[in-house]
Amino acid sequence: MIDADLQHPPELIKDMLDKWRAGYEMVIAVRRGREDESSFKRTAAEAFYRLFAQVSEVNLPRGAGDFRLLDRKVVDVLNSMPEHTRFMKGLYAWVGFRQVTLPYDVAPRAAGETKFNAFRLWRLAIDGIISFTSVPLKVWTFVGTVVALFALLYGLLFIVKTLILGIDVPGYPSLIVAIMFFSGVQLISLGVIGEYLGRVFSEVKNRPLYVVRSAVGFEQEE
């Protein structure tokens, strides 16, 4: 797969084929730098890769895009995936197989202009994170627990303050503590629902439990 605007150097195809003949089933072209992009775009890309590495189950090679060579075995596995909303960078990493990277320099665009504006890049990043992690669903259990504990500590503080200094505004402490505590309980409930929903999300994608590289003798599993 290669872009048609010649930013991906076609001369790298020969090196890709050499790596493929050496036994690699996926040859990934990785850009050396992002000097051609704005500082905002470089910072956003770095933040995305860092966040994805923290919350996801797969590791994305930084600087890798769609410019890569895929063995027929890899293509068949990707085509067998039943999911419709696909973050291909994540799927390339998820299927495994023998992978190797080749660095390249991005050439100036020969014609046209990019169709990926800031909004589409944002949507791509959201799709990538949602497709490969259920952390956004599960994090509310932790947030709710923290809020509920803070409410209890806040209530204890009001009790101590009342015993020492007397009542300041009648009804205010109990109202605030009650609102905070039950808000925390609601967030914990959302987190519990998120735990189950995350499991449903994982099941409906129906990805295979493993991918066999070679069916002859089951030499190795990915």
N, C-alpha and C. Protein backbone atom coordinates (compact mmCIF):
# COMPACT_ATOMS: atom_id res chain seq x y z
N MET A 1 0.85 -1.19 0.00
CA MET A 1 0.00 0.00 0.00
C MET A 1 0.88 1.23 0.00
N ILE A 2 0.55 2.16 -0.86
CA ILE A 2 1.39 3.34 -1.02
C ILE A 2 0.51 4.51 -1.46
N ASP A 3 0.81 5.71 -0.95
CA ASP A 3 0.07 6.90 -1.36
C ASP A 3 0.41 7.27 -2.80
N ALA A 4 -0.55 7.88 -3.47
CA ALA A 4 -0.37 8.23 -4.87
C ALA A 4 0.25 9.61 -5.07
N ASP A 5 0.53 10.35 -3.98
CA ASP A 5 1.06 11.70 -4.12
C ASP A 5 2.59 11.73 -4.12
N LEU A 6 3.23 10.55 -4.11
CA LEU A 6 4.68 10.39 -4.17
C LEU A 6 5.40 10.85 -2.91
N GLN A 7 4.66 11.06 -1.82
CA GLN A 7 5.34 11.30 -0.56
C GLN A 7 5.96 10.01 -0.01
N HIS A 8 5.39 8.89 -0.41
CA HIS A 8 6.00 7.59 -0.11
C HIS A 8 6.92 7.22 -1.27
N PRO A 9 8.21 7.06 -1.02
CA PRO A 9 9.15 6.81 -2.12
C PRO A 9 8.98 5.42 -2.73
N PRO A 10 8.64 5.32 -4.00
CA PRO A 10 8.47 4.01 -4.63
C PRO A 10 9.76 3.18 -4.64
N GLU A 11 10.92 3.84 -4.61
CA GLU A 11 12.19 3.08 -4.64
C GLU A 11 12.37 2.21 -3.40
N LEU A 12 11.57 2.46 -2.36
CA LEU A 12 11.66 1.64 -1.16
C LEU A 12 11.02 0.26 -1.35
N ILE A 13 10.23 0.11 -2.41
CA ILE A 13 9.55 -1.16 -2.65
C ILE A 13 10.55 -2.30 -2.83
N LYS A 14 11.66 -2.02 -3.50
CA LYS A 14 12.67 -3.06 -3.71
C LYS A 14 13.20 -3.57 -2.36
N ASP A 15 13.48 -2.65 -1.43
CA ASP A 15 13.96 -3.07 -0.11
C ASP A 15 12.89 -3.84 0.65
N MET A 16 11.63 -3.45 0.45
CA MET A 16 10.54 -4.18 1.09
C MET A 16 10.48 -5.62 0.59
N LEU A 17 10.61 -5.79 -0.71
CA LEU A 17 10.59 -7.14 -1.28
C LEU A 17 11.77 -7.97 -0.79
N ASP A 18 12.92 -7.33 -0.63
CA ASP A 18 14.09 -8.06 -0.10
C ASP A 18 13.81 -8.56 1.32
N LYS A 19 13.19 -7.72 2.13
CA LYS A 19 12.85 -8.13 3.49
C LYS A 19 11.81 -9.25 3.48
N TRP A 20 10.86 -9.15 2.56
CA TRP A 20 9.83 -10.18 2.45
C TRP A 20 10.44 -11.52 2.04
N ARG A 21 11.37 -11.47 1.09
CA ARG A 21 12.04 -12.71 0.67
C ARG A 21 12.90 -13.28 1.80
N ALA A 22 13.32 -12.42 2.73
CA ALA A 22 14.11 -12.88 3.87
C ALA A 22 13.25 -13.54 4.95
N GLY A 23 11.93 -13.52 4.78
CA GLY A 23 11.06 -14.22 5.71
C GLY A 23 10.11 -13.36 6.51
N TYR A 24 10.15 -12.05 6.31
CA TYR A 24 9.23 -11.16 7.05
C TYR A 24 7.89 -11.09 6.32
N GLU A 25 6.80 -11.25 7.09
CA GLU A 25 5.47 -11.22 6.48
C GLU A 25 4.85 -9.83 6.46
N MET A 26 5.44 -8.89 7.20
CA MET A 26 4.97 -7.51 7.15
C MET A 26 6.19 -6.59 7.21
N VAL A 27 6.33 -5.76 6.20
CA VAL A 27 7.44 -4.80 6.14
C VAL A 27 6.84 -3.41 6.26
N ILE A 28 7.19 -2.71 7.33
CA ILE A 28 6.55 -1.43 7.67
C ILE A 28 7.51 -0.29 7.37
N ALA A 29 7.09 0.64 6.55
CA ALA A 29 7.88 1.84 6.27
C ALA A 29 7.59 2.87 7.37
N VAL A 30 8.65 3.33 8.03
CA VAL A 30 8.52 4.27 9.14
C VAL A 30 9.22 5.57 8.79
N ARG A 31 8.50 6.65 8.88
CA ARG A 31 9.09 7.95 8.55
C ARG A 31 10.11 8.36 9.60
N ARG A 32 11.20 8.98 9.14
CA ARG A 32 12.29 9.35 10.06
C ARG A 32 11.91 10.53 10.94
N GLY A 33 11.17 11.45 10.44
CA GLY A 33 10.84 12.64 11.23
C GLY A 33 9.57 13.28 10.72
N ARG A 34 9.13 14.32 11.44
CA ARG A 34 7.91 15.05 11.07
C ARG A 34 8.20 16.54 10.87
N GLU A 35 9.39 16.83 10.36
CA GLU A 35 9.78 18.23 10.18
C GLU A 35 8.88 18.96 9.20
N ASP A 36 8.20 18.20 8.32
CA ASP A 36 7.34 18.83 7.32
C ASP A 36 5.99 19.23 7.90
N GLU A 37 5.72 18.87 9.15
CA GLU A 37 4.44 19.17 9.78
C GLU A 37 4.57 20.32 10.77
N SER A 38 3.45 20.88 11.14
CA SER A 38 3.45 21.97 12.12
C SER A 38 3.78 21.43 13.50
N SER A 39 4.23 22.33 14.39
CA SER A 39 4.57 21.91 15.75
C SER A 39 3.35 21.36 16.48
N PHE A 40 2.17 21.92 16.21
CA PHE A 40 0.95 21.42 16.84
C PHE A 40 0.66 19.99 16.42
N LYS A 41 0.81 19.70 15.14
CA LYS A 41 0.52 18.36 14.63
C LYS A 41 1.53 17.36 15.18
N ARG A 42 2.80 17.77 15.27
CA ARG A 42 3.83 16.87 15.83
C ARG A 42 3.54 16.59 17.30
N THR A 43 3.17 17.63 18.04
CA THR A 43 2.86 17.43 19.46
C THR A 43 1.64 16.54 19.64
N ALA A 44 0.61 16.76 18.81
CA ALA A 44 -0.60 15.95 18.91
C ALA A 44 -0.31 14.49 18.58
N ALA A 45 0.51 14.25 17.56
CA ALA A 45 0.85 12.88 17.18
C ALA A 45 1.63 12.19 18.30
N GLU A 46 2.58 12.89 18.90
CA GLU A 46 3.35 12.32 20.00
C GLU A 46 2.45 12.00 21.19
N ALA A 47 1.51 12.91 21.49
CA ALA A 47 0.58 12.67 22.60
C ALA A 47 -0.31 11.46 22.32
N PHE A 48 -0.75 11.32 21.07
CA PHE A 48 -1.59 10.17 20.74
C PHE A 48 -0.84 8.86 20.93
N TYR A 49 0.39 8.77 20.43
CA TYR A 49 1.15 7.52 20.55
C TYR A 49 1.44 7.20 22.01
N ARG A 50 1.72 8.21 22.81
CA ARG A 50 1.97 7.97 24.24
C ARG A 50 0.71 7.47 24.93
N LEU A 51 -0.42 8.11 24.65
CA LEU A 51 -1.68 7.70 25.27
C LEU A 51 -2.08 6.30 24.81
N PHE A 52 -1.94 6.03 23.53
CA PHE A 52 -2.31 4.72 22.99
C PHE A 52 -1.46 3.62 23.62
N ALA A 53 -0.18 3.89 23.81
CA ALA A 53 0.70 2.89 24.42
C ALA A 53 0.32 2.61 25.87
N GLN A 54 -0.23 3.61 26.57
CA GLN A 54 -0.60 3.45 27.96
C GLN A 54 -1.89 2.68 28.15
N VAL A 55 -2.86 2.88 27.26
CA VAL A 55 -4.19 2.31 27.48
C VAL A 55 -4.52 1.13 26.60
N SER A 56 -3.73 0.88 25.55
CA SER A 56 -4.09 -0.15 24.59
C SER A 56 -3.33 -1.44 24.84
N GLU A 57 -3.84 -2.50 24.23
CA GLU A 57 -3.23 -3.82 24.35
C GLU A 57 -2.20 -4.09 23.26
N VAL A 58 -2.08 -3.21 22.31
CA VAL A 58 -1.12 -3.39 21.23
C VAL A 58 -0.14 -2.21 21.20
N ASN A 59 0.99 -2.42 20.58
CA ASN A 59 2.02 -1.39 20.50
C ASN A 59 2.17 -0.94 19.06
N LEU A 60 1.94 0.35 18.82
CA LEU A 60 2.05 0.89 17.46
C LEU A 60 3.47 1.39 17.22
N PRO A 61 4.10 0.97 16.10
CA PRO A 61 5.40 1.56 15.75
C PRO A 61 5.22 3.05 15.43
N ARG A 62 5.98 3.89 16.10
CA ARG A 62 5.83 5.34 15.88
C ARG A 62 6.35 5.71 14.50
N GLY A 63 5.57 6.54 13.83
CA GLY A 63 5.94 6.97 12.49
C GLY A 63 5.48 6.04 11.40
N ALA A 64 4.80 4.93 11.77
CA ALA A 64 4.31 3.98 10.78
C ALA A 64 2.93 4.41 10.29
N GLY A 65 2.71 4.26 9.00
CA GLY A 65 1.41 4.57 8.42
C GLY A 65 0.91 3.39 7.60
N ASP A 66 0.25 3.69 6.49
CA ASP A 66 -0.27 2.63 5.63
C ASP A 66 0.76 2.16 4.60
N PHE A 67 1.88 2.84 4.49
CA PHE A 67 2.92 2.45 3.53
C PHE A 67 3.62 1.21 4.08
N ARG A 68 3.26 0.05 3.55
CA ARG A 68 3.83 -1.20 4.04
C ARG A 68 3.55 -2.32 3.04
N LEU A 69 4.30 -3.39 3.20
CA LEU A 69 4.11 -4.59 2.39
C LEU A 69 3.51 -5.67 3.28
N LEU A 70 2.45 -6.33 2.79
CA LEU A 70 1.78 -7.38 3.54
C LEU A 70 1.84 -8.68 2.77
N ASP A 71 2.24 -9.74 3.44
CA ASP A 71 2.19 -11.08 2.86
C ASP A 71 0.72 -11.50 2.70
N ARG A 72 0.47 -12.41 1.77
CA ARG A 72 -0.89 -12.88 1.55
C ARG A 72 -1.50 -13.46 2.82
N LYS A 73 -0.70 -14.11 3.66
CA LYS A 73 -1.22 -14.67 4.91
C LYS A 73 -1.76 -13.56 5.81
N VAL A 74 -1.07 -12.43 5.85
CA VAL A 74 -1.52 -11.31 6.67
C VAL A 74 -2.82 -10.73 6.11
N VAL A 75 -2.87 -10.59 4.79
CA VAL A 75 -4.07 -10.04 4.15
C VAL A 75 -5.28 -10.93 4.42
N ASP A 76 -5.07 -12.26 4.34
CA ASP A 76 -6.19 -13.18 4.59
C ASP A 76 -6.71 -13.05 6.01
N VAL A 77 -5.80 -12.91 6.98
CA VAL A 77 -6.23 -12.75 8.37
C VAL A 77 -6.99 -11.44 8.55
N LEU A 78 -6.48 -10.35 7.97
CA LEU A 78 -7.17 -9.07 8.08
C LEU A 78 -8.55 -9.11 7.43
N ASN A 79 -8.65 -9.79 6.29
CA ASN A 79 -9.95 -9.90 5.62
C ASN A 79 -10.93 -10.76 6.40
N SER A 80 -10.42 -11.64 7.24
CA SER A 80 -11.30 -12.51 8.03
C SER A 80 -11.87 -11.82 9.26
N MET A 81 -11.34 -10.65 9.59
CA MET A 81 -11.84 -9.91 10.76
C MET A 81 -13.26 -9.42 10.47
N PRO A 82 -14.24 -9.74 11.33
CA PRO A 82 -15.63 -9.37 11.03
C PRO A 82 -16.00 -7.94 11.42
N GLU A 83 -15.16 -7.26 12.17
CA GLU A 83 -15.54 -5.92 12.64
C GLU A 83 -15.59 -4.92 11.49
N HIS A 84 -16.46 -3.94 11.62
CA HIS A 84 -16.68 -2.96 10.54
C HIS A 84 -15.93 -1.66 10.78
N THR A 85 -15.91 -1.18 12.01
CA THR A 85 -15.17 0.04 12.33
C THR A 85 -13.73 -0.34 12.58
N ARG A 86 -12.87 -0.06 11.62
CA ARG A 86 -11.50 -0.57 11.65
C ARG A 86 -10.48 0.54 11.81
N PHE A 87 -9.64 0.39 12.80
CA PHE A 87 -8.45 1.23 12.94
C PHE A 87 -7.29 0.38 12.45
N MET A 88 -6.91 0.57 11.20
CA MET A 88 -6.02 -0.37 10.54
C MET A 88 -4.63 -0.41 11.17
N LYS A 89 -4.12 0.71 11.64
CA LYS A 89 -2.81 0.68 12.29
C LYS A 89 -2.80 -0.29 13.47
N GLY A 90 -3.89 -0.27 14.22
CA GLY A 90 -3.99 -1.18 15.35
C GLY A 90 -4.13 -2.62 14.91
N LEU A 91 -4.92 -2.87 13.87
CA LEU A 91 -5.10 -4.23 13.39
C LEU A 91 -3.80 -4.80 12.82
N TYR A 92 -3.03 -3.96 12.12
CA TYR A 92 -1.73 -4.43 11.61
C TYR A 92 -0.86 -4.93 12.76
N ALA A 93 -0.86 -4.18 13.87
CA ALA A 93 -0.04 -4.57 15.01
C ALA A 93 -0.63 -5.77 15.74
N TRP A 94 -1.96 -5.85 15.78
CA TRP A 94 -2.62 -6.90 16.54
C TRP A 94 -2.40 -8.29 15.92
N VAL A 95 -2.43 -8.40 14.59
CA VAL A 95 -2.36 -9.72 13.96
C VAL A 95 -1.00 -10.38 14.15
N GLY A 96 0.05 -9.58 14.43
CA GLY A 96 1.36 -10.16 14.69
C GLY A 96 2.12 -10.49 13.42
N PHE A 97 2.59 -11.75 13.31
CA PHE A 97 3.46 -12.20 12.23
C PHE A 97 4.85 -11.56 12.37
N ARG A 98 5.75 -12.00 11.53
CA ARG A 98 7.11 -11.45 11.55
C ARG A 98 7.09 -10.07 10.92
N GLN A 99 7.49 -9.07 11.68
CA GLN A 99 7.44 -7.69 11.21
C GLN A 99 8.82 -7.06 11.29
N VAL A 100 9.10 -6.16 10.36
CA VAL A 100 10.35 -5.41 10.35
C VAL A 100 10.04 -4.01 9.83
N THR A 101 10.82 -3.03 10.26
CA THR A 101 10.60 -1.65 9.84
C THR A 101 11.73 -1.17 8.93
N LEU A 102 11.37 -0.28 8.02
CA LEU A 102 12.33 0.37 7.13
C LEU A 102 12.14 1.88 7.24
N PRO A 103 13.17 2.64 7.58
CA PRO A 103 13.01 4.10 7.67
C PRO A 103 12.99 4.74 6.29
N TYR A 104 12.28 5.86 6.19
CA TYR A 104 12.26 6.61 4.94
C TYR A 104 11.99 8.08 5.25
N ASP A 105 12.36 8.93 4.31
CA ASP A 105 12.12 10.36 4.42
C ASP A 105 10.90 10.73 3.59
N VAL A 106 10.01 11.51 4.16
CA VAL A 106 8.80 11.93 3.46
C VAL A 106 9.17 12.97 2.40
N ALA A 107 8.80 12.69 1.18
CA ALA A 107 9.08 13.62 0.08
C ALA A 107 8.00 14.70 0.01
N PRO A 108 8.28 15.83 -0.62
CA PRO A 108 7.24 16.85 -0.80
C PRO A 108 6.08 16.29 -1.64
N ARG A 109 4.88 16.77 -1.37
CA ARG A 109 3.70 16.30 -2.09
C ARG A 109 3.78 16.74 -3.55
N ALA A 110 3.62 15.77 -4.47
CA ALA A 110 3.75 16.08 -5.90
C ALA A 110 2.56 16.90 -6.40
N ALA A 111 1.37 16.63 -5.88
CA ALA A 111 0.18 17.35 -6.33
C ALA A 111 -0.91 17.20 -5.29
N GLY A 112 -1.88 18.10 -5.34
CA GLY A 112 -3.02 18.01 -4.44
C GLY A 112 -2.69 18.48 -3.04
N GLU A 113 -3.61 18.26 -2.14
CA GLU A 113 -3.44 18.65 -0.74
C GLU A 113 -4.08 17.59 0.15
N THR A 114 -3.66 17.55 1.39
CA THR A 114 -4.16 16.53 2.30
C THR A 114 -5.65 16.70 2.58
N LYS A 115 -6.35 15.58 2.67
CA LYS A 115 -7.77 15.60 3.00
C LYS A 115 -8.00 15.38 4.49
N PHE A 116 -6.90 15.11 5.24
CA PHE A 116 -7.02 14.89 6.67
C PHE A 116 -6.83 16.21 7.41
N ASN A 117 -7.93 16.89 7.66
CA ASN A 117 -7.86 18.11 8.45
C ASN A 117 -7.83 17.74 9.94
N ALA A 118 -7.83 18.75 10.79
CA ALA A 118 -7.70 18.51 12.23
C ALA A 118 -8.87 17.67 12.76
N PHE A 119 -10.08 17.92 12.25
CA PHE A 119 -11.24 17.17 12.72
C PHE A 119 -11.14 15.71 12.35
N ARG A 120 -10.73 15.39 11.13
CA ARG A 120 -10.63 13.98 10.70
C ARG A 120 -9.50 13.27 11.45
N LEU A 121 -8.41 13.98 11.71
CA LEU A 121 -7.34 13.37 12.50
C LEU A 121 -7.81 13.11 13.93
N TRP A 122 -8.59 14.02 14.49
CA TRP A 122 -9.15 13.82 15.83
C TRP A 122 -10.06 12.59 15.85
N ARG A 123 -10.91 12.46 14.82
CA ARG A 123 -11.81 11.31 14.75
C ARG A 123 -11.01 10.01 14.60
N LEU A 124 -9.93 10.05 13.82
CA LEU A 124 -9.09 8.87 13.66
C LEU A 124 -8.47 8.46 14.99
N ALA A 125 -7.99 9.45 15.75
CA ALA A 125 -7.39 9.14 17.04
C ALA A 125 -8.42 8.56 18.00
N ILE A 126 -9.63 9.12 18.02
CA ILE A 126 -10.70 8.61 18.89
C ILE A 126 -11.07 7.18 18.48
N ASP A 127 -11.20 6.92 17.18
CA ASP A 127 -11.52 5.58 16.70
C ASP A 127 -10.44 4.58 17.12
N GLY A 128 -9.17 5.02 17.03
CA GLY A 128 -8.08 4.12 17.39
C GLY A 128 -8.12 3.75 18.86
N ILE A 129 -8.34 4.73 19.73
CA ILE A 129 -8.35 4.46 21.16
C ILE A 129 -9.56 3.62 21.55
N ILE A 130 -10.73 3.96 21.00
CA ILE A 130 -11.94 3.22 21.34
C ILE A 130 -11.89 1.79 20.83
N SER A 131 -11.27 1.58 19.66
CA SER A 131 -11.25 0.25 19.06
C SER A 131 -10.35 -0.72 19.81
N PHE A 132 -9.37 -0.21 20.55
CA PHE A 132 -8.39 -1.11 21.14
C PHE A 132 -8.25 -0.98 22.65
N THR A 133 -9.22 -0.35 23.29
CA THR A 133 -9.20 -0.31 24.75
C THR A 133 -10.59 -0.01 25.28
N SER A 134 -10.90 -0.56 26.44
CA SER A 134 -12.16 -0.26 27.12
C SER A 134 -11.93 0.59 28.36
N VAL A 135 -10.74 1.17 28.47
CA VAL A 135 -10.42 2.01 29.62
C VAL A 135 -11.40 3.17 29.81
N PRO A 136 -11.83 3.87 28.73
CA PRO A 136 -12.80 4.97 28.94
C PRO A 136 -14.09 4.50 29.60
N LEU A 137 -14.46 3.23 29.42
CA LEU A 137 -15.66 2.70 30.07
C LEU A 137 -15.41 2.37 31.54
N LYS A 138 -14.19 1.92 31.83
CA LYS A 138 -13.90 1.40 33.17
C LYS A 138 -13.38 2.46 34.13
N VAL A 139 -12.91 3.58 33.62
CA VAL A 139 -12.24 4.56 34.47
C VAL A 139 -13.19 5.19 35.48
N TRP A 140 -14.51 5.14 35.20
CA TRP A 140 -15.46 5.82 36.08
C TRP A 140 -15.60 5.14 37.42
N THR A 141 -15.27 3.84 37.50
CA THR A 141 -15.25 3.19 38.81
C THR A 141 -14.23 3.85 39.72
N PHE A 142 -13.05 4.11 39.19
CA PHE A 142 -12.00 4.76 39.97
C PHE A 142 -12.39 6.19 40.32
N VAL A 143 -12.91 6.93 39.33
CA VAL A 143 -13.30 8.33 39.58
C VAL A 143 -14.39 8.40 40.64
N GLY A 144 -15.39 7.51 40.54
CA GLY A 144 -16.48 7.52 41.51
C GLY A 144 -16.00 7.17 42.91
N THR A 145 -15.07 6.22 43.01
CA THR A 145 -14.52 5.86 44.32
C THR A 145 -13.80 7.04 44.96
N VAL A 146 -13.02 7.76 44.14
CA VAL A 146 -12.30 8.93 44.65
C VAL A 146 -13.27 10.00 45.13
N VAL A 147 -14.33 10.26 44.35
CA VAL A 147 -15.31 11.29 44.73
C VAL A 147 -16.02 10.90 46.02
N ALA A 148 -16.42 9.61 46.12
CA ALA A 148 -17.13 9.16 47.32
C ALA A 148 -16.24 9.26 48.56
N LEU A 149 -14.98 8.85 48.43
CA LEU A 149 -14.06 8.95 49.56
C LEU A 149 -13.81 10.40 49.95
N PHE A 150 -13.69 11.27 48.95
CA PHE A 150 -13.51 12.69 49.24
C PHE A 150 -14.72 13.25 49.97
N ALA A 151 -15.93 12.79 49.59
CA ALA A 151 -17.14 13.26 50.27
C ALA A 151 -17.14 12.83 51.74
N LEU A 152 -16.69 11.58 52.00
CA LEU A 152 -16.63 11.11 53.38
C LEU A 152 -15.62 11.91 54.20
N LEU A 153 -14.47 12.19 53.59
CA LEU A 153 -13.45 12.98 54.30
C LEU A 153 -13.94 14.41 54.52
N TYR A 154 -14.64 14.94 53.52
CA TYR A 154 -15.19 16.29 53.63
C TYR A 154 -16.23 16.34 54.75
N GLY A 155 -17.06 15.28 54.84
CA GLY A 155 -18.05 15.21 55.92
C GLY A 155 -17.39 15.12 57.28
N LEU A 156 -16.30 14.34 57.36
CA LEU A 156 -15.57 14.24 58.63
C LEU A 156 -14.99 15.59 59.03
N LEU A 157 -14.49 16.33 58.03
CA LEU A 157 -13.96 17.67 58.29
C LEU A 157 -15.04 18.60 58.83
N PHE A 158 -16.24 18.54 58.26
CA PHE A 158 -17.34 19.37 58.72
C PHE A 158 -17.74 19.01 60.15
N ILE A 159 -17.72 17.72 60.46
CA ILE A 159 -18.06 17.30 61.82
C ILE A 159 -17.06 17.86 62.84
N VAL A 160 -15.78 17.74 62.52
CA VAL A 160 -14.74 18.27 63.41
C VAL A 160 -14.86 19.79 63.54
N LYS A 161 -15.10 20.44 62.41
CA LYS A 161 -15.23 21.89 62.43
C LYS A 161 -16.43 22.33 63.27
N THR A 162 -17.54 21.58 63.17
CA THR A 162 -18.75 21.91 63.94
C THR A 162 -18.51 21.73 65.43
N LEU A 163 -17.81 20.65 65.79
CA LEU A 163 -17.53 20.40 67.21
C LEU A 163 -16.64 21.47 67.81
N ILE A 164 -15.74 22.01 66.99
CA ILE A 164 -14.78 22.99 67.50
C ILE A 164 -15.32 24.42 67.40
N LEU A 165 -15.88 24.78 66.24
CA LEU A 165 -16.28 26.16 66.00
C LEU A 165 -17.79 26.38 66.05
N GLY A 166 -18.55 25.28 66.04
CA GLY A 166 -19.99 25.43 66.03
C GLY A 166 -20.54 25.40 64.61
N ILE A 167 -21.85 25.47 64.48
CA ILE A 167 -22.50 25.41 63.17
C ILE A 167 -22.35 26.75 62.46
N ASP A 168 -21.89 26.69 61.19
CA ASP A 168 -21.71 27.91 60.40
C ASP A 168 -23.00 28.21 59.64
N VAL A 169 -23.32 27.43 58.66
CA VAL A 169 -24.56 27.58 57.88
C VAL A 169 -25.36 26.30 58.05
N PRO A 170 -26.47 26.30 58.77
CA PRO A 170 -27.23 25.07 59.01
C PRO A 170 -27.69 24.41 57.71
N GLY A 171 -27.47 23.11 57.60
CA GLY A 171 -27.92 22.35 56.43
C GLY A 171 -26.94 22.29 55.29
N TYR A 172 -26.04 23.26 55.19
CA TYR A 172 -25.11 23.30 54.05
C TYR A 172 -24.14 22.12 54.05
N PRO A 173 -23.47 21.80 55.16
CA PRO A 173 -22.51 20.70 55.13
C PRO A 173 -23.15 19.36 54.73
N SER A 174 -24.29 19.03 55.37
CA SER A 174 -24.92 17.75 55.07
C SER A 174 -25.37 17.67 53.62
N LEU A 175 -25.86 18.80 53.08
CA LEU A 175 -26.32 18.82 51.69
C LEU A 175 -25.16 18.59 50.73
N ILE A 176 -24.06 19.29 50.93
CA ILE A 176 -22.90 19.16 50.05
C ILE A 176 -22.32 17.75 50.12
N VAL A 177 -22.17 17.23 51.34
CA VAL A 177 -21.61 15.89 51.50
C VAL A 177 -22.51 14.84 50.84
N ALA A 178 -23.82 14.97 51.02
CA ALA A 178 -24.75 14.01 50.43
C ALA A 178 -24.69 14.04 48.91
N ILE A 179 -24.65 15.24 48.34
CA ILE A 179 -24.59 15.36 46.88
C ILE A 179 -23.30 14.74 46.35
N MET A 180 -22.17 15.06 46.98
CA MET A 180 -20.90 14.52 46.54
C MET A 180 -20.85 13.00 46.68
N PHE A 181 -21.33 12.49 47.80
CA PHE A 181 -21.25 11.05 48.05
C PHE A 181 -22.09 10.27 47.04
N PHE A 182 -23.31 10.70 46.84
CA PHE A 182 -24.18 9.96 45.93
C PHE A 182 -23.77 10.17 44.46
N SER A 183 -23.14 11.30 44.16
CA SER A 183 -22.56 11.46 42.83
C SER A 183 -21.45 10.44 42.61
N GLY A 184 -20.63 10.23 43.64
CA GLY A 184 -19.59 9.21 43.55
C GLY A 184 -20.17 7.82 43.38
N VAL A 185 -21.26 7.52 44.09
CA VAL A 185 -21.92 6.21 43.96
C VAL A 185 -22.44 6.02 42.53
N GLN A 186 -23.01 7.09 41.96
CA GLN A 186 -23.50 7.00 40.58
C GLN A 186 -22.36 6.72 39.60
N LEU A 187 -21.22 7.38 39.81
CA LEU A 187 -20.07 7.14 38.93
C LEU A 187 -19.55 5.71 39.08
N ILE A 188 -19.55 5.20 40.32
CA ILE A 188 -19.14 3.81 40.52
C ILE A 188 -20.10 2.87 39.78
N SER A 189 -21.39 3.17 39.83
CA SER A 189 -22.38 2.35 39.11
C SER A 189 -22.13 2.38 37.60
N LEU A 190 -21.81 3.58 37.08
CA LEU A 190 -21.47 3.67 35.65
C LEU A 190 -20.23 2.85 35.33
N GLY A 191 -19.25 2.86 36.25
CA GLY A 191 -18.04 2.07 36.03
C GLY A 191 -18.32 0.59 36.01
N VAL A 192 -19.22 0.12 36.88
CA VAL A 192 -19.59 -1.30 36.88
C VAL A 192 -20.27 -1.67 35.57
N ILE A 193 -21.19 -0.81 35.12
CA ILE A 193 -21.83 -1.04 33.82
C ILE A 193 -20.79 -1.04 32.71
N GLY A 194 -19.80 -0.13 32.82
CA GLY A 194 -18.74 -0.07 31.82
C GLY A 194 -17.91 -1.34 31.78
N GLU A 195 -17.68 -1.97 32.93
CA GLU A 195 -16.94 -3.23 32.96
C GLU A 195 -17.66 -4.29 32.13
N TYR A 196 -18.96 -4.41 32.32
CA TYR A 196 -19.71 -5.40 31.55
C TYR A 196 -19.80 -5.00 30.08
N LEU A 197 -20.01 -3.70 29.81
CA LEU A 197 -20.11 -3.24 28.43
C LEU A 197 -18.80 -3.44 27.69
N GLY A 198 -17.67 -3.25 28.40
CA GLY A 198 -16.38 -3.48 27.79
C GLY A 198 -16.20 -4.93 27.37
N ARG A 199 -16.71 -5.85 28.18
CA ARG A 199 -16.63 -7.26 27.82
C ARG A 199 -17.52 -7.58 26.62
N VAL A 200 -18.71 -6.97 26.59
CA VAL A 200 -19.59 -7.14 25.43
C VAL A 200 -18.93 -6.59 24.18
N PHE A 201 -18.30 -5.43 24.31
CA PHE A 201 -17.61 -4.80 23.18
C PHE A 201 -16.51 -5.71 22.64
N SER A 202 -15.76 -6.34 23.56
CA SER A 202 -14.70 -7.24 23.14
C SER A 202 -15.25 -8.48 22.45
N GLU A 203 -16.39 -8.97 22.92
CA GLU A 203 -16.96 -10.19 22.34
C GLU A 203 -17.56 -9.94 20.95
N VAL A 204 -18.26 -8.81 20.78
CA VAL A 204 -18.93 -8.57 19.50
C VAL A 204 -17.95 -8.30 18.37
N LYS A 205 -16.71 -7.87 18.70
CA LYS A 205 -15.71 -7.72 17.65
C LYS A 205 -15.32 -9.07 17.08
N ASN A 206 -15.43 -10.11 17.90
CA ASN A 206 -15.25 -11.49 17.45
C ASN A 206 -13.90 -11.72 16.78
N ARG A 207 -12.87 -11.09 17.34
CA ARG A 207 -11.53 -11.36 16.82
C ARG A 207 -11.10 -12.76 17.23
N PRO A 208 -10.28 -13.41 16.44
CA PRO A 208 -9.81 -14.75 16.82
C PRO A 208 -8.97 -14.70 18.08
N LEU A 209 -8.96 -15.79 18.84
CA LEU A 209 -8.17 -15.84 20.05
C LEU A 209 -6.69 -15.82 19.75
N TYR A 210 -6.30 -16.36 18.61
CA TYR A 210 -4.90 -16.38 18.21
C TYR A 210 -4.84 -16.53 16.70
N VAL A 211 -3.70 -16.24 16.14
CA VAL A 211 -3.47 -16.38 14.70
C VAL A 211 -2.32 -17.35 14.50
N VAL A 212 -2.54 -18.40 13.72
CA VAL A 212 -1.50 -19.38 13.43
C VAL A 212 -0.74 -18.93 12.19
N ARG A 213 0.57 -18.75 12.34
CA ARG A 213 1.39 -18.30 11.22
C ARG A 213 1.44 -19.36 10.14
N SER A 214 1.63 -20.61 10.52
CA SER A 214 1.73 -21.70 9.55
C SER A 214 0.89 -22.87 10.02
N ALA A 215 0.04 -23.40 9.13
CA ALA A 215 -0.82 -24.51 9.48
C ALA A 215 -0.08 -25.84 9.43
N VAL A 216 1.09 -25.86 8.85
CA VAL A 216 1.87 -27.10 8.72
C VAL A 216 2.58 -27.36 10.04
N GLY A 217 2.08 -28.29 10.80
CA GLY A 217 2.70 -28.64 12.07
C GLY A 217 2.51 -27.61 13.16
N PHE A 218 1.69 -26.54 12.90
CA PHE A 218 1.48 -25.48 13.88
C PHE A 218 2.81 -25.00 14.43
N GLU A 219 3.67 -24.55 13.54
CA GLU A 219 5.03 -24.19 13.92
C GLU A 219 5.09 -23.11 14.98
N GLN A 220 4.29 -22.09 14.81
CA GLN A 220 4.34 -20.99 15.76
C GLN A 220 3.03 -20.25 15.75
N GLU A 221 2.67 -19.72 16.88
CA GLU A 221 1.43 -18.95 17.01
C GLU A 221 1.76 -17.50 17.30
N GLU A 222 0.91 -16.63 16.78
CA GLU A 222 1.08 -15.20 17.04
C GLU A 222 0.05 -14.77 18.07
